[in-house]
Amino acid sequence: MAALTMTNILIPEKSDPVWKKIVLNCDKLLFKALATKLVMMRVKMIIDIDSENEIYDKRIQLSIEVAYDFFSKNKNIVQDDIKYLFNKDEF
């Protein structure tokens, strides 16, 4: 399955390692859209429950799915945040 495209913006597949970096660093990222800020707060809450728990990797995967689904479904509304995320060199 190819990555989703929006004009010249590419949204990587869920399996791309960039998603893990995004969800693990979401509290350090500055988003414009309120909807993105709210979803990323949810992502942070999913991950921060207990980082020592054995299901931590499953929570990271769930967070990736939440973030990916949000950006995929709302790409027209949050395109500035998508450009910000996927044109970054580092997190």
C-alpha atoms as a PDB file:
ATOM      1  CA  MET A   1       0.000   0.000   0.000  1.00  0.00           C
ATOM      2  CA  ALA A   2       1.445   3.346  -1.021  1.00  0.00           C
ATOM      3  CA  ALA A   3       1.697   6.337   1.252  1.00  0.00           C
ATOM      4  CA  LEU A   4      -1.151   8.829   1.093  1.00  0.00           C
ATOM      5  CA  THR A   5      -0.442  11.978  -0.870  1.00  0.00           C
ATOM      6  CA  MET A   6      -1.959  15.434  -0.716  1.00  0.00           C
ATOM      7  CA  THR A   7      -0.742  17.681  -3.509  1.00  0.00           C
ATOM      8  CA  ASN A   8       2.963  17.522  -2.663  1.00  0.00           C
ATOM      9  CA  ILE A   9       2.616  16.334   0.945  1.00  0.00           C
ATOM     10  CA  LEU A  10       3.373  12.730   1.767  1.00  0.00           C
ATOM     11  CA  ILE A  11       1.928  10.941   4.784  1.00  0.00           C
ATOM     12  CA  PRO A  12       4.147   7.938   5.557  1.00  0.00           C
ATOM     13  CA  GLU A  13       2.683   4.502   6.163  1.00  0.00           C
ATOM     14  CA  LYS A  14       2.025   3.462   9.769  1.00  0.00           C
ATOM     15  CA  SER A  15       5.068   1.192   9.643  1.00  0.00           C
ATOM     16  CA  ASP A  16       7.429   4.116   8.998  1.00  0.00           C
ATOM     17  CA  PRO A  17       9.685   4.745  12.048  1.00  0.00           C
ATOM     18  CA  VAL A  18       8.876   8.464  11.874  1.00  0.00           C
ATOM     19  CA  TRP A  19       5.505   7.754  13.517  1.00  0.00           C
ATOM     20  CA  LYS A  20       7.161   6.368  16.631  1.00  0.00           C
ATOM     21  CA  LYS A  21       9.299   9.507  16.851  1.00  0.00           C
ATOM     22  CA  ILE A  22       6.205  11.669  16.460  1.00  0.00           C
ATOM     23  CA  VAL A  23       4.155   9.957  19.156  1.00  0.00           C
ATOM     24  CA  LEU A  24       7.055   9.767  21.602  1.00  0.00           C
ATOM     25  CA  ASN A  25       7.858  13.458  21.120  1.00  0.00           C
ATOM     26  CA  CYS A  26       4.365  14.861  20.601  1.00  0.00           C
ATOM     27  CA  ASP A  27       4.607  17.080  23.684  1.00  0.00           C
ATOM     28  CA  LYS A  28       7.635  18.859  22.172  1.00  0.00           C
ATOM     29  CA  LEU A  29       5.995  19.602  18.836  1.00  0.00           C
ATOM     30  CA  LEU A  30       4.169  22.852  18.081  1.00  0.00           C
ATOM     31  CA  PHE A  31       0.967  22.438  16.112  1.00  0.00           C
ATOM     32  CA  LYS A  32      -1.298  25.102  14.629  1.00  0.00           C
ATOM     33  CA  ALA A  33      -4.653  23.324  14.481  1.00  0.00           C
ATOM     34  CA  LEU A  34      -6.590  22.843  17.695  1.00  0.00           C
ATOM     35  CA  ALA A  35      -7.779  19.451  16.467  1.00  0.00           C
ATOM     36  CA  THR A  36      -4.175  18.287  16.072  1.00  0.00           C
ATOM     37  CA  LYS A  37      -3.281  19.565  19.533  1.00  0.00           C
ATOM     38  CA  LEU A  38      -6.193  17.641  21.053  1.00  0.00           C
ATOM     39  CA  VAL A  39      -5.358  14.401  19.253  1.00  0.00           C
ATOM     40  CA  MET A  40      -1.722  14.650  20.251  1.00  0.00           C
ATOM     41  CA  MET A  41      -2.760  15.204  23.877  1.00  0.00           C
ATOM     42  CA  ARG A  42      -4.730  11.968  23.589  1.00  0.00           C
ATOM     43  CA  VAL A  43      -1.687  10.231  22.089  1.00  0.00           C
ATOM     44  CA  LYS A  44       0.467  11.432  24.974  1.00  0.00           C
ATOM     45  CA  MET A  45      -2.091  10.198  27.505  1.00  0.00           C
ATOM     46  CA  ILE A  46      -2.157   6.749  25.884  1.00  0.00           C
ATOM     47  CA  ILE A  47       1.624   6.455  26.089  1.00  0.00           C
ATOM     48  CA  ASP A  48       2.165   8.048  29.502  1.00  0.00           C
ATOM     49  CA  ILE A  49      -0.024   5.684  31.505  1.00  0.00           C
ATOM     50  CA  ASP A  50       2.955   3.643  32.702  1.00  0.00           C
ATOM     51  CA  SER A  51       6.141   3.501  30.660  1.00  0.00           C
ATOM     52  CA  GLU A  52       7.422   0.487  32.609  1.00  0.00           C
ATOM     53  CA  ASN A  53       4.422  -1.690  31.821  1.00  0.00           C
ATOM     54  CA  GLU A  54       4.883  -4.703  29.532  1.00  0.00           C
ATOM     55  CA  ILE A  55       2.189  -3.406  27.186  1.00  0.00           C
ATOM     56  CA  TYR A  56       4.107  -0.173  26.532  1.00  0.00           C
ATOM     57  CA  ASP A  57       4.913  -1.206  22.941  1.00  0.00           C
ATOM     58  CA  LYS A  58       1.236  -1.950  22.320  1.00  0.00           C
ATOM     59  CA  ARG A  59       0.316   1.518  23.594  1.00  0.00           C
ATOM     60  CA  ILE A  60       2.899   3.064  21.288  1.00  0.00           C
ATOM     61  CA  GLN A  61       1.375   1.155  18.366  1.00  0.00           C
ATOM     62  CA  LEU A  62      -2.116   2.291  19.383  1.00  0.00           C
ATOM     63  CA  SER A  63      -0.856   5.877  19.541  1.00  0.00           C
ATOM     64  CA  ILE A  64       0.630   5.549  16.071  1.00  0.00           C
ATOM     65  CA  GLU A  65      -2.690   4.259  14.750  1.00  0.00           C
ATOM     66  CA  VAL A  66      -4.589   7.140  16.376  1.00  0.00           C
ATOM     67  CA  ALA A  67      -2.204   9.743  14.947  1.00  0.00           C
ATOM     68  CA  TYR A  68      -2.037   8.135  11.495  1.00  0.00           C
ATOM     69  CA  ASP A  69      -5.812   7.787  11.240  1.00  0.00           C
ATOM     70  CA  PHE A  70      -6.313  11.388  12.340  1.00  0.00           C
ATOM     71  CA  PHE A  71      -3.878  12.851   9.817  1.00  0.00           C
ATOM     72  CA  SER A  72      -5.128  10.580   7.028  1.00  0.00           C
ATOM     73  CA  LYS A  73      -8.776  11.490   7.579  1.00  0.00           C
ATOM     74  CA  ASN A  74      -8.197  15.203   8.206  1.00  0.00           C
ATOM     75  CA  LYS A  75      -5.388  15.966   5.780  1.00  0.00           C
ATOM     76  CA  ASN A  76      -7.232  18.904   4.220  1.00  0.00           C
ATOM     77  CA  ILE A  77      -7.982  20.533   7.566  1.00  0.00           C
ATOM     78  CA  VAL A  78      -4.575  20.057   9.209  1.00  0.00           C
ATOM     79  CA  GLN A  79      -2.319  20.346   6.181  1.00  0.00           C
ATOM     80  CA  ASP A  80      -0.086  22.941   7.885  1.00  0.00           C
ATOM     81  CA  ASP A  81       0.587  20.513  10.725  1.00  0.00           C
ATOM     82  CA  ILE A  82       1.266  17.712   8.237  1.00  0.00           C
ATOM     83  CA  LYS A  83       3.773  19.897   6.407  1.00  0.00           C
ATOM     84  CA  TYR A  84       5.378  20.776   9.743  1.00  0.00           C
ATOM     85  CA  LEU A  85       5.692  17.133  10.809  1.00  0.00           C
ATOM     86  CA  PHE A  86       6.874  15.535   7.632  1.00  0.00           C
ATOM     87  CA  ASN A  87       9.231  18.256   6.492  1.00  0.00           C
ATOM     88  CA  LYS A  88      11.173  18.121   9.767  1.00  0.00           C
ATOM     89  CA  ASP A  89      14.643  16.619   9.809  1.00  0.00           C
ATOM     90  CA  GLU A  90      14.597  15.733  13.509  1.00  0.00           C
ATOM     91  CA  PHE A  91      12.287  15.560  16.495  1.00  0.00           C
END
